[in-house]
C-alpha cells in the first residue's frame, strides 16, 4: 500500500476514534446527570464510530496478512493509539453508566 493511502486510512481512523471518544465522554456526562437514555444512545453512537475505524484497521491487517505491506509511519502509529483510547473510553463509559444507575437506585432507596 502506498504511503498516501496509508495516511488517508490513518486519518480516517483518527477522525472516527476521536469522535468515539468524544461521544463516550458525553455519555458519561449524561449518566452523571442520571439521563441514562441519552447516555446509552451516546454510547451506541460511540460504538458505531469505533466500529468504523476498527473496520479500517481490520482491512489493513487482512491486506498485510495477504502479503500487501502497509507503510508504517508515525501517523499510523498515532491512529492506532487513538483507536485504543476510543476502546478504553467506551469501556469506562459503560462502567460509569452502570455505577451511576446503581447510585441513583441507592439514593431512591434512602
N, C-alpha and C. Protein backbone atom coordinates (compact mmCIF):
# COMPACT_ATOMS: atom_id res chain seq x y z
N UNK A 1 0.86 -1.17 0.00
CA UNK A 1 0.00 0.00 0.00
C UNK A 1 0.90 1.23 0.00
N UNK A 2 0.59 2.19 -0.84
CA UNK A 2 1.44 3.37 -0.91
C UNK A 2 1.25 4.27 0.30
N UNK A 3 2.22 5.12 0.51
CA UNK A 3 2.26 5.98 1.69
C UNK A 3 1.05 6.91 1.76
N UNK A 4 0.61 7.43 0.62
CA UNK A 4 -0.54 8.34 0.60
C UNK A 4 -1.81 7.64 1.08
N UNK A 5 -2.03 6.41 0.61
CA UNK A 5 -3.20 5.64 1.03
C UNK A 5 -3.13 5.31 2.53
N UNK A 6 -1.93 5.00 3.01
CA UNK A 6 -1.76 4.73 4.44
C UNK A 6 -2.12 5.95 5.27
N UNK A 7 -1.67 7.13 4.83
CA UNK A 7 -2.01 8.37 5.54
C UNK A 7 -3.52 8.60 5.55
N UNK A 8 -4.16 8.37 4.41
CA UNK A 8 -5.60 8.56 4.32
C UNK A 8 -6.34 7.65 5.29
N UNK A 9 -5.97 6.38 5.32
CA UNK A 9 -6.60 5.44 6.24
C UNK A 9 -6.32 5.80 7.70
N UNK A 10 -5.10 6.21 7.98
CA UNK A 10 -4.73 6.60 9.35
C UNK A 10 -5.56 7.79 9.81
N UNK A 11 -5.71 8.79 8.96
CA UNK A 11 -6.51 9.97 9.35
C UNK A 11 -7.97 9.61 9.52
N UNK A 12 -8.48 8.67 8.74
CA UNK A 12 -9.87 8.22 8.94
C UNK A 12 -10.03 7.54 10.29
N UNK A 13 -9.04 6.74 10.68
CA UNK A 13 -9.07 6.11 12.00
C UNK A 13 -9.07 7.18 13.08
N UNK A 14 -8.20 8.18 12.94
CA UNK A 14 -8.10 9.25 13.94
C UNK A 14 -9.43 9.99 14.08
N UNK A 15 -10.05 10.32 12.96
CA UNK A 15 -11.32 11.06 12.99
C UNK A 15 -12.41 10.27 13.70
N UNK A 16 -12.59 9.02 13.29
CA UNK A 16 -13.68 8.22 13.87
C UNK A 16 -13.39 7.82 15.32
N UNK A 17 -12.15 7.53 15.63
CA UNK A 17 -11.80 7.19 17.02
C UNK A 17 -11.97 8.41 17.92
N UNK A 18 -11.59 9.57 17.41
CA UNK A 18 -11.76 10.80 18.19
C UNK A 18 -13.22 11.10 18.46
N UNK A 19 -14.05 10.88 17.46
CA UNK A 19 -15.49 11.07 17.63
C UNK A 19 -16.04 10.06 18.65
N UNK A 20 -15.56 8.84 18.58
CA UNK A 20 -15.98 7.82 19.54
C UNK A 20 -15.63 8.24 20.97
N UNK A 21 -14.42 8.74 21.15
CA UNK A 21 -14.01 9.18 22.49
C UNK A 21 -14.86 10.34 22.98
N UNK A 22 -15.16 11.29 22.10
CA UNK A 22 -16.00 12.43 22.48
C UNK A 22 -17.39 11.99 22.88
N UNK A 23 -17.96 11.10 22.09
CA UNK A 23 -19.31 10.60 22.40
C UNK A 23 -19.31 9.81 23.71
N UNK A 24 -18.27 9.06 23.98
CA UNK A 24 -18.16 8.33 25.25
C UNK A 24 -18.13 9.29 26.42
N UNK A 25 -17.41 10.37 26.26
CA UNK A 25 -17.33 11.39 27.31
C UNK A 25 -18.69 12.04 27.54
N UNK A 26 -19.39 12.35 26.45
CA UNK A 26 -20.73 12.91 26.57
C UNK A 26 -21.68 11.92 27.26
N UNK A 27 -21.51 10.64 26.97
CA UNK A 27 -22.34 9.61 27.61
C UNK A 27 -22.10 9.59 29.12
N UNK A 28 -20.85 9.76 29.52
CA UNK A 28 -20.53 9.80 30.94
C UNK A 28 -21.16 11.02 31.60
N UNK A 29 -21.14 12.15 30.92
CA UNK A 29 -21.78 13.37 31.45
C UNK A 29 -23.28 13.16 31.62
N UNK A 30 -23.91 12.54 30.62
CA UNK A 30 -25.35 12.28 30.71
C UNK A 30 -25.66 11.34 31.87
N UNK A 31 -24.84 10.31 32.04
CA UNK A 31 -25.06 9.35 33.14
C UNK A 31 -24.90 10.03 34.49
N UNK A 32 -23.95 10.92 34.58
CA UNK A 32 -23.74 11.64 35.84
C UNK A 32 -24.97 12.46 36.23
N UNK A 33 -25.73 12.88 35.22
CA UNK A 33 -26.97 13.63 35.46
C UNK A 33 -28.19 12.71 35.46
N UNK A 34 -27.94 11.40 35.51
CA UNK A 34 -28.98 10.36 35.54
C UNK A 34 -29.86 10.36 34.29
N UNK A 35 -29.32 10.85 33.20
CA UNK A 35 -30.03 10.80 31.94
C UNK A 35 -29.53 9.56 31.19
N UNK A 36 -30.02 8.40 31.64
CA UNK A 36 -29.49 7.13 31.16
C UNK A 36 -29.89 6.81 29.73
N UNK A 37 -31.06 7.25 29.31
CA UNK A 37 -31.47 7.01 27.93
C UNK A 37 -30.52 7.74 26.97
N UNK A 38 -30.22 8.98 27.29
CA UNK A 38 -29.27 9.75 26.46
C UNK A 38 -27.88 9.12 26.52
N UNK A 39 -27.48 8.70 27.71
CA UNK A 39 -26.16 8.10 27.88
C UNK A 39 -26.02 6.84 27.02
N UNK A 40 -27.03 6.00 27.04
CA UNK A 40 -27.00 4.76 26.26
C UNK A 40 -26.99 5.06 24.76
N UNK A 41 -27.75 6.07 24.35
CA UNK A 41 -27.77 6.46 22.94
C UNK A 41 -26.40 6.97 22.50
N UNK A 42 -25.78 7.81 23.32
CA UNK A 42 -24.45 8.34 23.00
C UNK A 42 -23.42 7.22 22.95
N UNK A 43 -23.54 6.28 23.85
CA UNK A 43 -22.61 5.14 23.85
C UNK A 43 -22.80 4.28 22.60
N UNK A 44 -24.03 4.14 22.16
CA UNK A 44 -24.30 3.42 20.91
C UNK A 44 -23.64 4.14 19.74
N UNK A 45 -23.77 5.45 19.70
CA UNK A 45 -23.12 6.23 18.63
C UNK A 45 -21.60 6.11 18.71
N UNK A 46 -21.06 6.11 19.92
CA UNK A 46 -19.62 5.95 20.11
C UNK A 46 -19.16 4.61 19.55
N UNK A 47 -19.95 3.58 19.81
CA UNK A 47 -19.61 2.24 19.32
C UNK A 47 -19.65 2.19 17.78
N UNK A 48 -20.61 2.87 17.18
CA UNK A 48 -20.69 2.91 15.71
C UNK A 48 -19.45 3.56 15.13
N UNK A 49 -18.99 4.66 15.74
CA UNK A 49 -17.78 5.33 15.27
C UNK A 49 -16.57 4.42 15.45
N UNK A 50 -16.53 3.76 16.60
CA UNK A 50 -15.42 2.84 16.87
C UNK A 50 -15.39 1.71 15.83
N UNK A 51 -16.55 1.15 15.53
CA UNK A 51 -16.60 0.06 14.56
C UNK A 51 -16.13 0.50 13.17
N UNK A 52 -16.42 1.75 12.82
CA UNK A 52 -15.95 2.27 11.54
C UNK A 52 -14.43 2.26 11.48
N UNK A 53 -13.77 2.75 12.51
CA UNK A 53 -12.31 2.77 12.46
C UNK A 53 -11.73 1.37 12.68
N UNK A 54 -12.43 0.52 13.41
CA UNK A 54 -11.96 -0.85 13.59
C UNK A 54 -12.02 -1.60 12.26
N UNK A 55 -13.03 -1.33 11.45
CA UNK A 55 -13.12 -1.96 10.13
C UNK A 55 -11.95 -1.56 9.25
N UNK A 56 -11.54 -0.29 9.32
CA UNK A 56 -10.38 0.18 8.55
C UNK A 56 -9.14 -0.58 9.00
N UNK A 57 -8.98 -0.71 10.31
CA UNK A 57 -7.82 -1.43 10.84
C UNK A 57 -7.85 -2.90 10.39
N UNK A 58 -9.01 -3.52 10.46
CA UNK A 58 -9.13 -4.92 10.06
C UNK A 58 -8.79 -5.10 8.58
N UNK A 59 -9.24 -4.18 7.75
CA UNK A 59 -8.91 -4.24 6.33
C UNK A 59 -7.40 -4.15 6.12
N UNK A 60 -6.75 -3.26 6.86
CA UNK A 60 -5.30 -3.12 6.74
C UNK A 60 -4.59 -4.39 7.21
N UNK A 61 -5.07 -4.97 8.29
CA UNK A 61 -4.47 -6.21 8.80
C UNK A 61 -4.64 -7.36 7.82
N UNK A 62 -5.82 -7.44 7.22
CA UNK A 62 -6.09 -8.51 6.26
C UNK A 62 -5.16 -8.38 5.05
N UNK A 63 -5.02 -7.17 4.55
CA UNK A 63 -4.13 -6.96 3.40
C UNK A 63 -2.69 -7.31 3.75
N UNK A 64 -2.27 -6.92 4.94
CA UNK A 64 -0.91 -7.24 5.39
C UNK A 64 -0.73 -8.76 5.47
N UNK A 65 -1.73 -9.44 6.02
CA UNK A 65 -1.66 -10.90 6.13
C UNK A 65 -1.61 -11.57 4.76
N UNK A 66 -2.18 -10.91 3.77
CA UNK A 66 -2.17 -11.44 2.41
C UNK A 66 -0.96 -10.97 1.59
N UNK A 67 0.01 -10.37 2.26
CA UNK A 67 1.26 -10.01 1.59
C UNK A 67 1.38 -8.58 1.11
N UNK A 68 0.33 -7.78 1.27
CA UNK A 68 0.40 -6.37 0.87
C UNK A 68 0.87 -5.54 2.06
N UNK A 69 2.09 -5.08 2.01
CA UNK A 69 2.68 -4.35 3.14
C UNK A 69 2.08 -2.96 3.30
N UNK A 70 1.87 -2.56 4.55
CA UNK A 70 1.46 -1.20 4.88
C UNK A 70 2.72 -0.38 5.15
N UNK A 71 2.71 0.85 4.69
CA UNK A 71 3.81 1.75 5.02
C UNK A 71 3.63 2.20 6.47
N UNK A 72 4.56 1.85 7.31
CA UNK A 72 4.48 2.23 8.71
C UNK A 72 5.04 3.64 8.88
N UNK A 73 4.25 4.51 9.50
CA UNK A 73 4.68 5.88 9.76
C UNK A 73 4.11 6.35 11.09
N UNK A 74 4.57 7.46 11.57
CA UNK A 74 4.17 7.95 12.89
C UNK A 74 2.67 8.28 12.93
N UNK A 75 2.08 8.70 11.81
CA UNK A 75 0.66 9.00 11.78
C UNK A 75 -0.16 7.71 11.98
N UNK A 76 0.27 6.63 11.37
CA UNK A 76 -0.42 5.35 11.55
C UNK A 76 -0.30 4.88 13.00
N UNK A 77 0.85 5.03 13.58
CA UNK A 77 1.04 4.66 14.99
C UNK A 77 0.14 5.52 15.87
N UNK A 78 0.07 6.81 15.56
CA UNK A 78 -0.79 7.73 16.29
C UNK A 78 -2.27 7.31 16.15
N UNK A 79 -2.65 6.88 14.96
CA UNK A 79 -4.02 6.44 14.72
C UNK A 79 -4.35 5.21 15.57
N UNK A 80 -3.41 4.29 15.67
CA UNK A 80 -3.63 3.09 16.48
C UNK A 80 -3.80 3.46 17.96
N UNK A 81 -3.07 4.47 18.40
CA UNK A 81 -3.22 4.97 19.76
C UNK A 81 -4.63 5.51 19.97
N UNK A 82 -5.14 6.28 19.01
CA UNK A 82 -6.49 6.82 19.10
C UNK A 82 -7.52 5.70 19.15
N UNK A 83 -7.31 4.67 18.36
CA UNK A 83 -8.22 3.53 18.34
C UNK A 83 -8.26 2.84 19.71
N UNK A 84 -7.11 2.65 20.30
CA UNK A 84 -7.02 2.04 21.63
C UNK A 84 -7.72 2.90 22.68
N UNK A 85 -7.46 4.21 22.61
CA UNK A 85 -8.08 5.11 23.59
C UNK A 85 -9.60 5.15 23.44
N UNK A 86 -10.09 5.06 22.21
CA UNK A 86 -11.54 5.03 21.99
C UNK A 86 -12.14 3.79 22.64
N UNK A 87 -11.48 2.66 22.49
CA UNK A 87 -11.94 1.41 23.09
C UNK A 87 -11.98 1.53 24.62
N UNK A 88 -10.94 2.05 25.19
CA UNK A 88 -10.88 2.23 26.65
C UNK A 88 -11.95 3.21 27.11
N UNK A 89 -12.15 4.29 26.36
CA UNK A 89 -13.16 5.29 26.73
C UNK A 89 -14.56 4.69 26.74
N UNK A 90 -14.86 3.85 25.76
CA UNK A 90 -16.18 3.21 25.74
C UNK A 90 -16.36 2.27 26.94
N UNK A 91 -15.33 1.51 27.25
CA UNK A 91 -15.42 0.61 28.40
C UNK A 91 -15.61 1.39 29.70
N UNK A 92 -14.89 2.49 29.83
CA UNK A 92 -15.04 3.33 31.02
C UNK A 92 -16.44 3.95 31.09
N UNK A 93 -16.96 4.37 29.94
CA UNK A 93 -18.30 4.96 29.91
C UNK A 93 -19.35 3.93 30.31
N UNK A 94 -19.21 2.70 29.82
CA UNK A 94 -20.15 1.64 30.22
C UNK A 94 -20.15 1.45 31.73
N UNK A 95 -18.96 1.41 32.30
CA UNK A 95 -18.85 1.23 33.74
C UNK A 95 -19.43 2.44 34.49
N UNK A 96 -19.17 3.63 33.98
CA UNK A 96 -19.66 4.86 34.61
C UNK A 96 -21.19 4.90 34.58
N UNK A 97 -21.78 4.49 33.47
CA UNK A 97 -23.24 4.45 33.38
C UNK A 97 -23.78 3.45 34.40
N UNK A 98 -23.19 2.28 34.45
CA UNK A 98 -23.62 1.25 35.40
C UNK A 98 -23.52 1.76 36.85
N UNK A 99 -22.40 2.40 37.17
CA UNK A 99 -22.20 2.91 38.54
C UNK A 99 -23.22 3.99 38.88
N UNK A 100 -23.51 4.87 37.94
CA UNK A 100 -24.48 5.93 38.23
C UNK A 100 -25.90 5.40 38.34
N UNK A 101 -26.21 4.34 37.61
CA UNK A 101 -27.51 3.69 37.78
C UNK A 101 -27.62 3.12 39.20
N UNK A 102 -26.54 2.53 39.65
CA UNK A 102 -26.51 1.95 41.00
C UNK A 102 -26.64 3.05 42.06
N UNK A 103 -25.94 4.14 41.88
CA UNK A 103 -26.00 5.27 42.82
C UNK A 103 -27.42 5.82 42.87
N UNK A 104 -28.05 5.99 41.71
CA UNK A 104 -29.41 6.51 41.66
C UNK A 104 -30.35 5.59 42.42
N UNK A 105 -30.19 4.28 42.21
CA UNK A 105 -31.05 3.31 42.88
C UNK A 105 -30.86 3.39 44.40
N UNK A 106 -29.62 3.53 44.84
CA UNK A 106 -29.33 3.65 46.27
C UNK A 106 -29.96 4.92 46.86
N UNK A 107 -29.86 6.02 46.10
CA UNK A 107 -30.46 7.28 46.56
C UNK A 107 -31.98 7.15 46.68
N UNK A 108 -32.59 6.46 45.74
CA UNK A 108 -34.05 6.30 45.76
C UNK A 108 -34.50 5.42 46.93
N UNK A 109 -33.62 4.53 47.39
CA UNK A 109 -33.99 3.62 48.47
C UNK A 109 -33.73 4.20 49.86
N UNK A 110 -33.21 5.40 49.93
CA UNK A 110 -32.94 6.00 51.25
C UNK A 110 -34.15 6.68 51.80
